[in-house]
């Protein structure tokens, strides 16, 4: 008997329908969730995502201000901004940095210096999506190559910007300083204050040294802002709103480019410095140190090779001798010592001594020699200045004593930095009892005073200090503190003495007597700077000085040929002119120049002649 089973179609239909209904409900529920989610995103969160979408398309960008220009007293441009096209990249948009750099290198070339600078900039903290410069000063051909291949270079673009440029290069390197890229330390300092952070939001450069650093807040300017529409690649499609930046102030300095260039020419091949000051205002006419360097190398970032060449140069081109070089003033200190001892009544213009060529302290066997071994014979104060008699000043200094000489010399600015806007200038050294006890744990001896009398021993001055003291002398004790800045954006600065007290002598006639003595340094047939008579156009009051670099034993003579060039004496010269109404005061230091009359003095005369008449006298 066959057993047949039959399918229950009715039950199967019911099962299918129930399953279909369940699936439909699930699908309906899922569609409901989807609709709810879409409604939530598009209605409830509409404003949030509209802002996010808008921010992807609309951006606020800060605009860098134009840095102020710098001019000399005659309107000659010293620091400018030149247009430059730079190749930039946004690291966040570059998919493969190595491949991108390789492609660019094959296309336009990337130097070792460019790669070094890029690596440094990538390591610095920066704002997200901020472009980083890869190469500066692209040529038109290089720009064309980049633009044609831009589709293969996501995150890479060509930007136009103004770059600082110093048209006179080395001539003003030390005094102007330079701008450079903001480093990490500077960025951290800027970010600590909301105002400075805002001011530098669009700026990649900041003043590093000299005038550029001292007047950074004036030169920088205020940033602007623009609201721009961008595409998916981040490139600007159009500008929606714009607030223009405020350019920095233009500065006019007291510096005279003619004098600065002449100083550079006269000191070519030598190590030294020259400082010239306008007597009536304190304006610094020339502040030059030789050798110098090209500040343009530092603006966009100097390579290790170039920097090491400057750093390792034995002539120290990065060292500013004019404000940081410290030298014994030697005999250039004698006019100040002589003025002091005469006004104190320690000596008089008529008092004489007999110079046999050496000086000995009481109860001492040590002889302090005169530069003229046979001596000068009968010498008064004027002749001691004119012929630079050491023995006279040995005697006068000991008679006066350090307790009176130190405060008198301090009135001329020795041992102090009184320049208004010259940063990092050394104050030199004006020694005394307290100083020696503090630094050497020793008493001040009469022998120390003997050395001070001729500007040797512990005392040290910078060329700026020496020129400042000479200007105060030329101004008969009236103080006009040295300054570089003459005007902000055409508005000239008010002249003040910065609180420094004028020098009041007991007998004002001593100024005239010292002027006459210093004039005879040039005009007398026995004067140590008589060589200047050959090109004398204006009456000049001056004083030579020869500073020892190495000591010489008492029984030895100075032998230039036996000494290496860098161990020879330094040559110094101070002067002001014209004597009747001084307009310019000057100090010149020529390292290892030996005879100041033959080296430093003619340099000073050429600058004086150029300033007063427009000719060098050669």
Protein backbone atom coordinates (compact mmCIF):
# COMPACT_ATOMS: atom_id res chain seq x y z
CA UNK A 1 0.00 0.00 0.00
CA UNK A 2 1.47 3.25 -1.13
CA UNK A 3 1.58 6.14 1.39
CA UNK A 4 1.14 9.45 -0.28
CA UNK A 5 1.87 12.85 1.40
CA UNK A 6 0.38 16.02 0.07
CA UNK A 7 1.80 19.66 0.56
CA UNK A 8 -0.37 22.03 2.61
CA UNK A 9 -0.45 24.97 0.24
CA UNK A 10 -2.69 27.00 2.49
CA UNK A 11 -0.19 26.79 5.34
CA UNK A 12 2.67 27.74 3.07
CA UNK A 13 0.81 30.82 1.85
CA UNK A 14 0.11 31.89 5.42
CA UNK A 15 3.78 31.40 6.34
CA UNK A 16 4.96 33.42 3.32
CA UNK A 17 2.54 36.23 4.06
CA UNK A 18 3.59 36.45 7.69
CA UNK A 19 7.26 36.49 6.74
CA UNK A 20 6.63 39.12 4.07
CA UNK A 21 4.77 41.30 6.54
CA UNK A 22 7.64 41.02 9.03
CA UNK A 23 10.18 41.89 6.35
CA UNK A 24 8.00 44.78 5.20
CA UNK A 25 7.76 46.08 8.73
CA UNK A 26 11.53 45.87 9.11
CA UNK A 27 12.07 47.66 5.81
CA UNK A 28 9.47 50.26 6.78
CA UNK A 29 11.15 50.73 10.15
CA UNK A 30 14.53 51.11 8.51
CA UNK A 31 13.10 53.59 6.02
CA UNK A 32 11.56 55.42 8.94
CA UNK A 33 14.90 55.59 10.70
CA UNK A 34 16.53 56.79 7.48
CA UNK A 35 13.88 59.44 6.97
CA UNK A 36 14.19 60.48 10.60
CA UNK A 37 17.97 60.66 10.28
CA UNK A 38 17.76 62.69 7.10
CA UNK A 39 15.24 65.01 8.70
CA UNK A 40 17.43 65.33 11.78
CA UNK A 41 20.52 66.17 9.73
CA UNK A 42 18.78 68.51 7.30
CA UNK A 43 16.40 70.23 9.70
CA UNK A 44 17.62 69.96 13.26
CA UNK A 45 21.35 70.17 12.41
CA UNK A 46 20.88 72.39 9.38
CA UNK A 47 22.73 75.42 10.74
CA UNK A 48 25.67 73.35 12.02
CA UNK A 49 26.37 71.61 8.74
CA UNK A 50 25.66 74.72 6.74
CA UNK A 51 28.45 76.46 8.68
CA UNK A 52 30.80 73.51 8.24
CA UNK A 53 30.09 73.41 4.54
CA UNK A 54 30.47 77.15 4.25
CA UNK A 55 33.80 77.03 6.08
CA UNK A 56 35.07 74.50 3.59
CA UNK A 57 34.25 76.96 0.86
CA UNK A 58 34.62 80.37 2.60
CA UNK A 59 37.81 81.22 4.51
CA UNK A 60 39.18 84.21 6.36
CA UNK A 61 42.78 84.92 5.42
CA UNK A 62 45.07 87.52 7.08
CA UNK A 63 46.91 89.88 4.74
CA UNK A 64 50.54 90.82 5.52
CA UNK A 65 51.29 94.54 5.85
CA UNK A 66 53.97 96.20 3.75
CA UNK A 67 57.08 96.74 5.85
CA UNK A 68 58.18 100.35 6.22
CA UNK A 69 61.11 101.63 4.16
CA UNK A 70 64.35 103.00 5.61
CA UNK A 71 66.10 106.07 4.18
CA UNK A 72 69.28 107.95 4.98
CA UNK A 73 69.32 111.67 5.80
CA UNK A 74 69.44 112.58 2.08
CA UNK A 75 66.52 110.37 1.09
CA UNK A 76 68.65 107.55 -0.27
CA UNK A 77 66.96 104.16 0.11
CA UNK A 78 68.66 101.80 2.55
CA UNK A 79 66.03 99.06 2.96
CA UNK A 80 63.22 98.28 0.53
CA UNK A 81 60.69 95.59 -0.34
CA UNK A 82 61.02 93.91 -3.73
CA UNK A 83 58.41 91.65 -5.37
CA UNK A 84 59.34 88.01 -5.51
CA UNK A 85 57.50 84.92 -6.73
CA UNK A 86 57.91 81.97 -4.40
CA UNK A 87 57.07 78.30 -4.77
CA UNK A 88 55.01 77.23 -1.75
CA UNK A 89 53.42 74.03 -0.59
CA UNK A 90 50.79 73.16 2.02
CA UNK A 91 52.04 69.96 3.72
CA UNK A 92 48.51 68.91 4.68
CA UNK A 93 47.49 68.85 1.00
CA UNK A 94 50.60 67.14 -0.35
CA UNK A 95 49.86 63.42 -0.76
CA UNK A 96 53.45 62.22 -1.15
CA UNK A 97 56.10 64.73 -0.04
CA UNK A 98 59.10 62.82 -1.40
CA UNK A 99 57.49 62.21 -4.79
CA UNK A 100 56.37 65.83 -5.01
CA UNK A 101 59.84 67.17 -4.20
CA UNK A 102 61.41 64.78 -6.69
CA UNK A 103 58.99 65.95 -9.40
CA UNK A 104 59.73 69.62 -8.65
CA UNK A 105 63.47 68.97 -8.61
CA UNK A 106 63.30 67.38 -12.07
CA UNK A 107 61.15 70.25 -13.30
CA UNK A 108 62.89 73.40 -11.99
CA UNK A 109 65.57 72.16 -9.60
CA UNK A 110 65.82 72.36 -5.81
CA UNK A 111 69.17 73.31 -4.29
CA UNK A 112 70.62 71.82 -1.12
CA UNK A 113 70.01 75.14 0.62
CA UNK A 114 66.31 75.11 -0.42
CA UNK A 115 65.89 71.60 0.95
CA UNK A 116 67.64 72.52 4.21
CA UNK A 117 65.40 75.52 4.70
CA UNK A 118 62.26 73.52 3.90
CA UNK A 119 63.16 70.89 6.49
CA UNK A 120 63.69 73.63 9.09
CA UNK A 121 60.36 75.28 8.29
CA UNK A 122 58.47 71.99 8.45
CA UNK A 123 59.88 71.35 11.92
CA UNK A 124 58.66 74.70 13.23
CA UNK A 125 55.25 75.04 14.80
CA UNK A 126 52.91 76.70 12.35
CA UNK A 127 49.24 77.28 11.66
CA UNK A 128 47.32 74.42 9.96
CA UNK A 129 47.23 74.68 6.17
CA UNK A 130 49.74 77.52 6.25
CA UNK A 131 51.87 77.54 3.05
CA UNK A 132 55.56 76.80 3.48
CA UNK A 133 58.06 78.39 1.08
CA UNK A 134 60.17 75.93 -0.89
CA UNK A 135 61.93 78.29 -3.30
CA UNK A 136 62.24 82.05 -3.60
CA UNK A 137 62.66 84.28 -6.65
CA UNK A 138 61.28 82.05 -9.38
CA UNK A 139 61.95 83.08 -12.96
CA UNK A 140 59.17 83.51 -15.50
CA UNK A 141 60.12 80.21 -17.15
CA UNK A 142 60.03 78.39 -13.81
CA UNK A 143 56.65 79.90 -12.98
CA UNK A 144 55.29 78.74 -16.34
CA UNK A 145 56.55 75.17 -15.78
CA UNK A 146 54.94 75.01 -12.35
CA UNK A 147 51.61 76.38 -13.55
CA UNK A 148 51.44 73.97 -16.52
CA UNK A 149 52.08 70.99 -14.22
CA UNK A 150 50.02 72.22 -11.30
CA UNK A 151 47.40 69.49 -11.82
CA UNK A 152 50.07 66.94 -10.84
CA UNK A 153 51.12 68.95 -7.77
CA UNK A 154 48.32 69.09 -5.21
CA UNK A 155 49.16 71.49 -2.41
CA UNK A 156 51.82 73.30 -4.48
CA UNK A 157 51.36 76.86 -5.72
CA UNK A 158 53.18 80.02 -6.79
CA UNK A 159 52.70 83.05 -4.54
CA UNK A 160 53.73 86.65 -5.05
CA UNK A 161 55.16 88.40 -1.99
CA UNK A 162 57.33 91.31 -0.99
CA UNK A 163 60.80 90.35 0.25
CA UNK A 164 63.13 92.67 2.19
CA UNK A 165 66.14 93.83 0.21
CA UNK A 166 69.16 95.94 1.15
CA UNK A 167 70.37 97.69 -2.02
CA UNK A 168 73.70 98.73 -0.48
CA UNK A 169 74.55 95.30 0.87
CA UNK A 170 77.59 95.22 3.15
CA UNK A 171 77.80 99.00 3.54
CA UNK A 172 75.01 99.17 6.13
CA UNK A 173 74.94 95.52 7.22
CA UNK A 174 75.77 96.00 10.90
CA UNK A 175 73.85 99.19 11.59
CA UNK A 176 70.65 98.25 9.75
CA UNK A 177 70.74 94.59 10.70
CA UNK A 178 68.33 92.43 8.72
CA UNK A 179 64.98 90.67 8.84
CA UNK A 180 64.67 86.91 8.82
CA UNK A 181 62.06 84.20 9.14
CA UNK A 182 60.38 83.94 12.53
CA UNK A 183 61.98 81.05 14.41
CA UNK A 184 60.35 78.81 16.98
CA UNK A 185 61.54 80.83 19.98
CA UNK A 186 60.26 84.07 18.49
CA UNK A 187 56.97 82.43 17.53
CA UNK A 188 56.49 81.24 21.11
CA UNK A 189 57.10 84.77 22.37
CA UNK A 190 54.65 86.24 19.88
CA UNK A 191 51.98 83.70 20.78
CA UNK A 192 52.10 84.58 24.49
CA UNK A 193 50.35 87.89 23.78
CA UNK A 194 47.07 88.02 21.84
CA UNK A 195 47.87 91.42 20.33
CA UNK A 196 51.29 90.45 18.94
CA UNK A 197 49.85 87.12 17.79
CA UNK A 198 47.24 89.04 15.80
CA UNK A 199 49.79 91.48 14.38
CA UNK A 200 51.99 88.66 13.12
CA UNK A 201 49.16 86.40 11.92
CA UNK A 202 50.15 86.99 8.27
CA UNK A 203 53.86 87.67 8.75
CA UNK A 204 56.70 85.21 8.38
CA UNK A 205 59.55 87.71 8.90
CA UNK A 206 60.76 89.79 11.83
CA UNK A 207 63.67 92.16 12.51
CA UNK A 208 66.68 90.27 13.84
CA UNK A 209 69.35 92.89 14.44
CA UNK A 210 70.13 96.60 14.27
CA UNK A 211 67.56 99.17 13.22
CA UNK A 212 65.32 96.45 11.82
CA UNK A 213 65.00 94.92 15.28
CA UNK A 214 64.99 98.09 17.40
CA UNK A 215 62.16 99.69 15.40
CA UNK A 216 60.32 96.46 14.57
CA UNK A 217 57.02 97.70 16.01
CA UNK A 218 57.15 100.84 13.82
CA UNK A 219 58.30 99.12 10.64
CA UNK A 220 55.96 96.12 10.80
CA UNK A 221 52.52 97.68 10.25
CA UNK A 222 49.04 96.21 10.89
CA UNK A 223 47.67 93.14 9.07
CA UNK A 224 44.51 93.17 6.97
CA UNK A 225 42.00 90.40 6.29
CA UNK A 226 40.11 89.01 3.34
CA UNK A 227 37.14 86.67 3.06
CA UNK A 228 37.68 84.33 0.11
CA UNK A 229 35.88 81.52 -1.65
CA UNK A 230 37.99 78.44 -2.37
CA UNK A 231 37.57 75.22 -4.34
CA UNK A 232 38.12 71.67 -3.12
CA UNK A 233 41.87 72.03 -3.70
CA UNK A 234 42.00 75.10 -1.47
CA UNK A 235 42.72 77.54 -4.29
CA UNK A 236 41.05 80.93 -4.14
CA UNK A 237 38.18 81.42 -6.57
CA UNK A 238 37.16 84.93 -5.61
CA UNK A 239 37.49 87.53 -2.84
CA UNK A 240 34.21 88.27 -1.07
CA UNK A 241 35.36 90.93 1.42
CA UNK A 242 38.64 92.65 2.16
CA UNK A 243 40.13 94.90 4.82
CA UNK A 244 43.41 96.36 3.60
CA UNK A 245 46.53 96.11 5.81
CA UNK A 246 48.14 99.25 7.21
CA UNK A 247 51.77 99.59 6.01
CA UNK A 248 54.57 100.12 8.50
CA UNK A 249 56.12 103.52 9.07
CA UNK A 250 58.96 104.71 6.88
CA UNK A 251 62.07 105.70 8.84
CA UNK A 252 64.64 108.37 8.04
CA UNK A 253 67.99 107.98 9.75
CA UNK A 254 70.73 110.49 10.49
CA UNK A 255 73.11 108.21 8.59
CA UNK A 256 74.75 109.65 5.48
CA UNK A 257 75.27 107.06 2.73
CA UNK A 258 78.14 109.08 1.25
CA UNK A 259 80.11 108.90 4.50
CA UNK A 260 79.27 105.24 5.00
CA UNK A 261 80.46 104.31 1.51
CA UNK A 262 83.62 106.37 1.96
CA UNK A 263 84.33 104.64 5.27
CA UNK A 264 83.93 101.30 3.53
CA UNK A 265 86.31 102.37 0.78
CA UNK A 266 88.91 103.77 3.18
CA UNK A 267 88.87 100.69 5.42
CA UNK A 268 88.92 98.20 2.54
CA UNK A 269 91.34 95.38 3.28
CA UNK A 270 91.63 96.40 6.94
CA UNK A 271 89.87 95.51 10.16
CA UNK A 272 88.45 98.48 11.96
CA UNK A 273 85.56 100.83 12.57
CA UNK A 274 84.51 104.42 12.03
CA UNK A 275 81.85 106.42 13.87
CA UNK A 276 80.88 109.98 12.96
CA UNK A 277 78.40 112.09 14.96
CA UNK A 278 76.68 115.39 14.20
CA UNK A 279 77.77 117.58 17.11
CA UNK A 280 74.67 119.78 17.41
CA UNK A 281 72.08 116.98 17.35
CA UNK A 282 73.84 113.80 18.38
CA UNK A 283 72.73 112.24 15.10
CA UNK A 284 74.99 109.36 14.06
CA UNK A 285 76.23 110.18 10.55
CA UNK A 286 78.24 107.00 10.06
CA UNK A 287 78.44 103.77 12.03
CA UNK A 288 80.65 101.41 10.07
CA UNK A 289 82.51 98.21 10.91
CA UNK A 290 84.85 96.45 8.50
CA UNK A 291 84.74 93.80 7.22
CA UNK A 292 81.01 93.37 6.79
CA UNK A 293 78.64 90.85 5.25
CA UNK A 294 75.73 90.78 2.82
CA UNK A 295 72.52 90.98 4.91
CA UNK A 296 70.45 89.82 1.93
CA UNK A 297 71.80 86.31 2.54
CA UNK A 298 69.91 86.15 5.83
CA UNK A 299 66.50 87.37 4.65
CA UNK A 300 65.20 84.17 3.08
CA UNK A 301 67.48 81.91 5.11
CA UNK A 302 71.23 81.51 4.85
CA UNK A 303 72.70 78.11 3.99
CA UNK A 304 74.99 76.26 6.39
CA UNK A 305 77.86 76.65 3.93
CA UNK A 306 77.51 80.43 3.67
CA UNK A 307 77.00 80.88 7.40
CA UNK A 308 79.97 78.71 8.31
CA UNK A 309 82.15 80.72 5.91
CA UNK A 310 81.18 83.93 7.72
CA UNK A 311 81.46 82.43 11.19
CA UNK A 312 84.86 80.85 10.60
CA UNK A 313 86.40 83.86 8.84
CA UNK A 314 89.34 85.04 11.02
CA UNK A 315 88.47 88.68 10.23
CA UNK A 316 85.08 88.22 11.99
CA UNK A 317 82.77 89.91 9.47
CA UNK A 318 79.73 89.24 11.69
CA UNK A 319 81.33 91.12 14.61
CA UNK A 320 80.28 94.78 14.84
CA UNK A 321 83.49 96.49 15.87
CA UNK A 322 81.84 99.94 15.95
CA UNK A 323 79.67 99.14 18.97
CA UNK A 324 81.12 95.91 20.39
CA UNK A 325 84.84 96.21 19.72
CA UNK A 326 86.62 97.12 22.97
CA UNK A 327 90.01 98.79 22.65
CA UNK A 328 92.38 100.69 24.95
CA UNK A 329 91.84 104.35 23.98
CA UNK A 330 95.58 104.97 24.28
CA UNK A 331 96.58 108.61 23.70
CA UNK A 332 93.11 109.58 22.43
CA UNK A 333 92.22 109.73 26.15
CA UNK A 334 94.85 112.43 26.81
CA UNK A 335 92.66 115.44 25.84
CA UNK A 336 90.05 114.32 28.38
CA UNK A 337 92.67 113.64 31.05
CA UNK A 338 94.36 116.97 30.26
CA UNK A 339 91.08 118.89 30.43
CA UNK A 340 90.33 117.28 33.78
CA UNK A 341 93.68 117.88 35.46
CA UNK A 342 93.76 121.47 34.22
CA UNK A 343 90.25 122.19 35.49
CA UNK A 344 90.94 120.48 38.82
CA UNK A 345 93.98 122.69 39.32
CA UNK A 346 96.29 119.66 39.44
CA UNK A 347 98.31 121.32 36.71
CA UNK A 348 98.10 124.46 34.62
CA UNK A 349 98.66 125.25 30.98
CA UNK A 350 101.90 126.99 31.89
CA UNK A 351 103.30 124.36 34.24
CA UNK A 352 106.16 122.36 32.71
CA UNK A 353 108.04 119.18 33.47
CA UNK A 354 111.30 117.87 32.04
CA UNK A 355 110.73 114.63 30.15
CA UNK A 356 113.83 112.44 29.99
CA UNK A 357 111.97 109.55 28.38
CA UNK A 358 110.77 107.71 31.47
CA UNK A 359 108.74 108.14 34.66
CA UNK A 360 109.25 106.47 38.03
CA UNK A 361 106.90 106.39 41.00
CA UNK A 362 108.21 107.14 44.45
CA UNK A 363 109.56 104.07 46.23
CA UNK A 364 109.50 102.07 43.01
CA UNK A 365 112.20 100.88 40.63
CA UNK A 366 109.87 100.34 37.67
CA UNK A 367 110.27 102.75 34.80
CA UNK A 368 107.28 103.79 32.70
CA UNK A 369 108.66 104.72 29.33
CA UNK A 370 107.67 107.45 26.91
CA UNK A 371 107.01 106.43 23.31
CA UNK A 372 109.93 108.73 22.45
CA UNK A 373 112.83 107.00 24.16
CA UNK A 374 115.01 110.12 24.51
CA UNK A 375 112.08 112.12 25.89
CA UNK A 376 110.58 115.47 24.87
CA UNK A 377 112.59 117.78 27.12
CA UNK A 378 110.73 120.75 28.60
CA UNK A 379 107.00 120.07 28.16
CA UNK A 380 103.84 121.95 29.15
CA UNK A 381 100.26 120.67 28.82
CA UNK A 382 99.73 121.99 25.29
CA UNK A 383 102.93 120.48 23.97
CA UNK A 384 102.11 117.23 25.79
CA UNK A 385 98.87 117.06 23.76
CA UNK A 386 100.46 118.10 20.47
CA UNK A 387 103.41 115.66 20.67
CA UNK A 388 101.58 113.09 22.83
CA UNK A 389 104.08 113.15 25.68
CA UNK A 390 103.45 110.10 27.86
CA UNK A 391 105.57 111.20 30.82
CA UNK A 392 103.57 114.40 31.28
CA UNK A 393 100.35 112.40 31.60
CA UNK A 394 101.93 109.78 33.85
CA UNK A 395 102.76 112.59 36.24
CA UNK A 396 99.44 114.44 35.85
CA UNK A 397 97.34 111.29 36.38
CA UNK A 398 99.20 110.35 39.56
CA UNK A 399 98.81 113.92 40.88
CA UNK A 400 95.06 113.85 40.23
CA UNK A 401 94.44 110.32 41.49
CA UNK A 402 91.88 107.79 40.36
CA UNK A 403 89.21 109.10 42.74
CA UNK A 404 89.01 112.34 40.77
CA UNK A 405 89.79 111.03 37.28
CA UNK A 406 87.15 108.31 37.25
CA UNK A 407 84.10 110.55 37.86
CA UNK A 408 85.43 113.22 35.50
CA UNK A 409 85.85 110.77 32.63
CA UNK A 410 82.43 109.26 33.36
CA UNK A 411 80.87 112.63 32.49
CA UNK A 412 81.96 112.07 28.87
CA UNK A 413 80.20 108.71 28.73
CA UNK A 414 83.18 106.42 29.25
CA UNK A 415 82.12 103.13 30.81
CA UNK A 416 78.49 103.65 29.74
CA UNK A 417 76.26 103.01 26.74
CA UNK A 418 74.26 106.20 26.32
CA UNK A 419 73.19 105.80 22.69
CA UNK A 420 69.40 106.02 22.40
CA UNK A 421 68.64 103.44 19.70
CA UNK A 422 71.80 101.37 19.23
CA UNK A 423 71.11 97.88 20.58
CA UNK A 424 73.70 95.45 21.92
CA UNK A 425 76.40 98.11 22.24
CA UNK A 426 79.02 97.35 24.87
CA UNK A 427 79.53 99.89 27.62
CA UNK A 428 83.30 99.57 27.58
CA UNK A 429 85.14 99.77 30.89
CA UNK A 430 86.04 102.74 33.08
CA UNK A 431 88.02 101.23 35.97
CA UNK A 432 88.25 102.48 39.52
CA UNK A 433 88.85 101.29 43.07
CA UNK A 434 85.45 99.64 43.51
CA UNK A 435 85.60 97.98 40.09
CA UNK A 436 89.02 96.45 40.73
CA UNK A 437 88.06 95.23 44.18
CA UNK A 438 84.84 93.71 42.81
CA UNK A 439 86.38 92.02 39.77
CA UNK A 440 89.96 91.32 40.81
CA UNK A 441 89.70 91.24 44.61
CA UNK A 442 92.64 93.61 44.73
CA UNK A 443 93.41 97.19 45.68
CA UNK A 444 93.96 99.99 43.19
CA UNK A 445 97.65 100.85 42.87
CA UNK A 446 99.43 103.99 41.74
CA UNK A 447 100.75 102.02 38.77
CA UNK A 448 97.16 101.48 37.61
CA UNK A 449 96.68 105.24 37.60
CA UNK A 450 99.90 105.69 35.63
CA UNK A 451 98.59 103.39 32.91
CA UNK A 452 95.20 105.11 32.90
CA UNK A 453 96.93 108.43 32.28
CA UNK A 454 97.86 107.33 28.75
CA UNK A 455 94.70 105.31 28.06
CA UNK A 456 96.25 101.90 28.75
CA UNK A 457 95.73 99.33 31.47
CA UNK A 458 92.21 98.25 32.35
CA UNK A 459 90.30 100.98 30.51
CA UNK A 460 88.45 99.96 27.35
CA UNK A 461 86.28 101.93 24.94
CA UNK A 462 84.21 101.19 21.87
CA UNK A 463 84.52 103.38 18.76
CA UNK A 464 80.96 104.60 19.43
CA UNK A 465 81.90 105.68 22.95
CA UNK A 466 85.04 107.39 21.72
CA UNK A 467 83.10 109.32 19.07
CA UNK A 468 80.43 110.22 21.63
CA UNK A 469 82.99 111.61 24.07
CA UNK A 470 84.61 113.57 21.23
CA UNK A 471 81.25 115.06 20.26
CA UNK A 472 80.64 116.13 23.88
CA UNK A 473 84.10 117.71 23.90
CA UNK A 474 83.36 119.53 20.63
CA UNK A 475 80.03 120.72 22.06
CA UNK A 476 81.83 122.17 25.10
CA UNK A 477 80.27 119.73 27.51
CA UNK A 478 76.71 119.93 26.21
CA UNK A 479 75.26 116.44 25.95
CA UNK A 480 73.35 115.31 22.89
CA UNK A 481 72.93 111.55 23.27
CA UNK A 482 73.77 109.66 20.06
CA UNK A 483 70.82 108.52 18.01
CA UNK A 484 70.22 106.93 14.61
CA UNK A 485 66.57 107.82 14.02
CA UNK A 486 65.81 111.24 12.57
CA UNK A 487 62.16 110.93 11.49
CA UNK A 488 59.09 108.68 11.54
CA UNK A 489 57.21 108.84 8.21
CA UNK A 490 58.57 112.34 7.57
CA UNK A 491 57.91 113.63 11.10
CA UNK A 492 61.24 114.62 12.60
CA UNK A 493 62.02 113.62 16.15
CA UNK A 494 62.38 116.24 18.86
CA UNK A 495 65.97 116.60 20.05
CA UNK A 496 66.69 115.85 23.69
CA UNK A 497 69.72 114.92 25.75
CA UNK A 498 68.03 111.89 27.35
CA UNK A 499 68.60 113.18 30.87
CA UNK A 500 72.41 113.25 30.70
CA UNK A 501 73.82 116.20 32.60
CA UNK A 502 76.00 118.70 30.77
CA UNK A 503 79.63 119.06 31.86
CA UNK A 504 80.35 122.26 33.78
CA UNK A 505 84.00 123.24 34.10
CA UNK A 506 85.33 125.46 36.85
CA UNK A 507 87.02 127.53 34.15
CA UNK A 508 85.25 127.60 30.77
CA UNK A 509 88.45 128.92 29.13
CA UNK A 510 89.84 125.40 29.41
CA UNK A 511 87.62 124.37 26.47
CA UNK A 512 89.33 126.95 24.24
CA UNK A 513 92.79 125.99 25.43
CA UNK A 514 92.15 122.30 24.73
CA UNK A 515 90.64 123.07 21.31
CA UNK A 516 93.78 125.04 20.43
CA UNK A 517 96.07 122.23 21.60
CA UNK A 518 94.14 119.59 19.63
CA UNK A 519 94.21 121.84 16.57
CA UNK A 520 97.99 121.98 16.76
CA UNK A 521 98.10 118.16 16.65
CA UNK A 522 97.46 118.73 12.94
CA UNK A 523 98.77 122.23 12.27
CA UNK A 524 102.03 122.10 14.24
CA UNK A 525 105.17 120.80 12.47
CA UNK A 526 105.68 118.56 15.53
CA UNK A 527 102.06 117.38 15.76
CA UNK A 528 101.45 113.65 15.63
CA UNK A 529 98.86 114.12 12.84
CA UNK A 530 100.76 116.78 10.84
CA UNK A 531 100.40 114.60 7.73
CA UNK A 532 96.83 115.93 7.43
CA UNK A 533 98.12 119.38 6.45
CA UNK A 534 98.58 118.08 2.91
CA UNK A 535 94.81 117.89 2.33
CA UNK A 536 93.64 120.36 4.97
CA UNK A 537 90.41 122.05 3.84
CA UNK A 538 88.92 122.80 7.26
CA UNK A 539 90.41 123.45 10.65
CA UNK A 540 90.51 120.14 12.50
CA UNK A 541 91.10 119.42 16.17
CA UNK A 542 92.29 115.88 16.70
CA UNK A 543 94.32 113.40 18.68
CA UNK A 544 96.16 110.25 17.64
CA UNK A 545 96.46 107.09 19.70
CA UNK A 546 98.46 103.88 19.46
CA UNK A 547 97.15 100.99 21.55
CA UNK A 548 99.43 98.09 22.37
CA UNK A 549 98.17 94.63 21.49
CA UNK A 550 101.05 92.77 23.16
CA UNK A 551 103.23 93.90 26.03
CA UNK A 552 106.88 94.82 25.49
CA UNK A 553 109.57 94.32 28.09
CA UNK A 554 111.30 97.35 29.51
CA UNK A 555 114.60 96.61 27.82
CA UNK A 556 113.05 95.93 24.41
CA UNK A 557 111.97 98.19 21.57
CA UNK A 558 108.83 97.87 19.50
CA UNK A 559 109.74 96.08 16.27
CA UNK A 560 106.94 96.01 13.73
CA UNK A 561 108.73 93.64 11.37
CA UNK A 562 109.27 91.09 14.11
CA UNK A 563 105.59 90.94 15.06
CA UNK A 564 102.87 89.09 13.22
CA UNK A 565 100.42 91.48 11.58
CA UNK A 566 97.61 90.74 14.07
CA UNK A 567 99.90 91.48 17.04
CA UNK A 568 100.86 94.96 15.88
CA UNK A 569 99.54 98.08 17.60
CA UNK A 570 96.05 99.40 16.91
CA UNK A 571 95.79 102.90 15.43
CA UNK A 572 93.15 105.29 16.80
CA UNK A 573 92.22 108.85 15.92
CA UNK A 574 89.57 111.26 17.21
CA UNK A 575 88.73 114.63 15.66
CA UNK A 576 86.10 117.33 15.26
CA UNK A 577 85.75 120.12 12.73
CA UNK A 578 85.67 122.94 12.01
CA UNK A 579 87.30 124.05 15.24
CA UNK A 580 85.55 127.44 15.27
CA UNK A 581 82.07 125.90 15.08
CA UNK A 582 82.24 122.08 15.33
CA UNK A 583 79.74 120.26 13.12
CA UNK A 584 81.11 116.72 13.03
CA UNK A 585 82.98 114.55 15.53
CA UNK A 586 84.64 111.33 14.50
CA UNK A 587 86.50 108.33 15.88
CA UNK A 588 88.46 105.84 13.79
CA UNK A 589 90.03 102.57 14.89
CA UNK A 590 92.27 100.59 12.54
CA UNK A 591 93.22 97.26 14.07
CA UNK A 592 96.95 96.58 13.82
CA UNK A 593 97.28 99.83 11.85
CA UNK A 594 100.29 100.99 13.95
CA UNK A 595 100.87 104.67 13.11
CA UNK A 596 97.58 106.52 13.61
CA UNK A 597 98.95 109.57 11.78
CA UNK A 598 99.45 107.52 8.63
CA UNK A 599 96.42 105.19 8.82
CA UNK A 600 93.50 106.31 11.01
CA UNK A 601 93.93 110.10 10.73
CA UNK A 602 93.72 110.35 6.90
CA UNK A 603 90.55 108.25 6.97
CA UNK A 604 88.95 110.67 9.42
CA UNK A 605 90.04 113.66 7.37
CA UNK A 606 88.51 112.29 4.17
CA UNK A 607 85.17 111.79 5.93
CA UNK A 608 85.29 115.29 7.44
CA UNK A 609 86.06 116.85 4.05
CA UNK A 610 83.25 114.94 2.38
CA UNK A 611 80.72 115.91 5.02
CA UNK A 612 81.63 119.60 5.14
CA UNK A 613 82.32 120.26 1.47
CA UNK A 614 81.34 117.23 -0.56
CA UNK A 615 84.92 116.30 -1.52
CA UNK A 616 87.35 113.79 -0.07
CA UNK A 617 90.34 116.08 -0.34
CA UNK A 618 92.28 113.56 -2.41
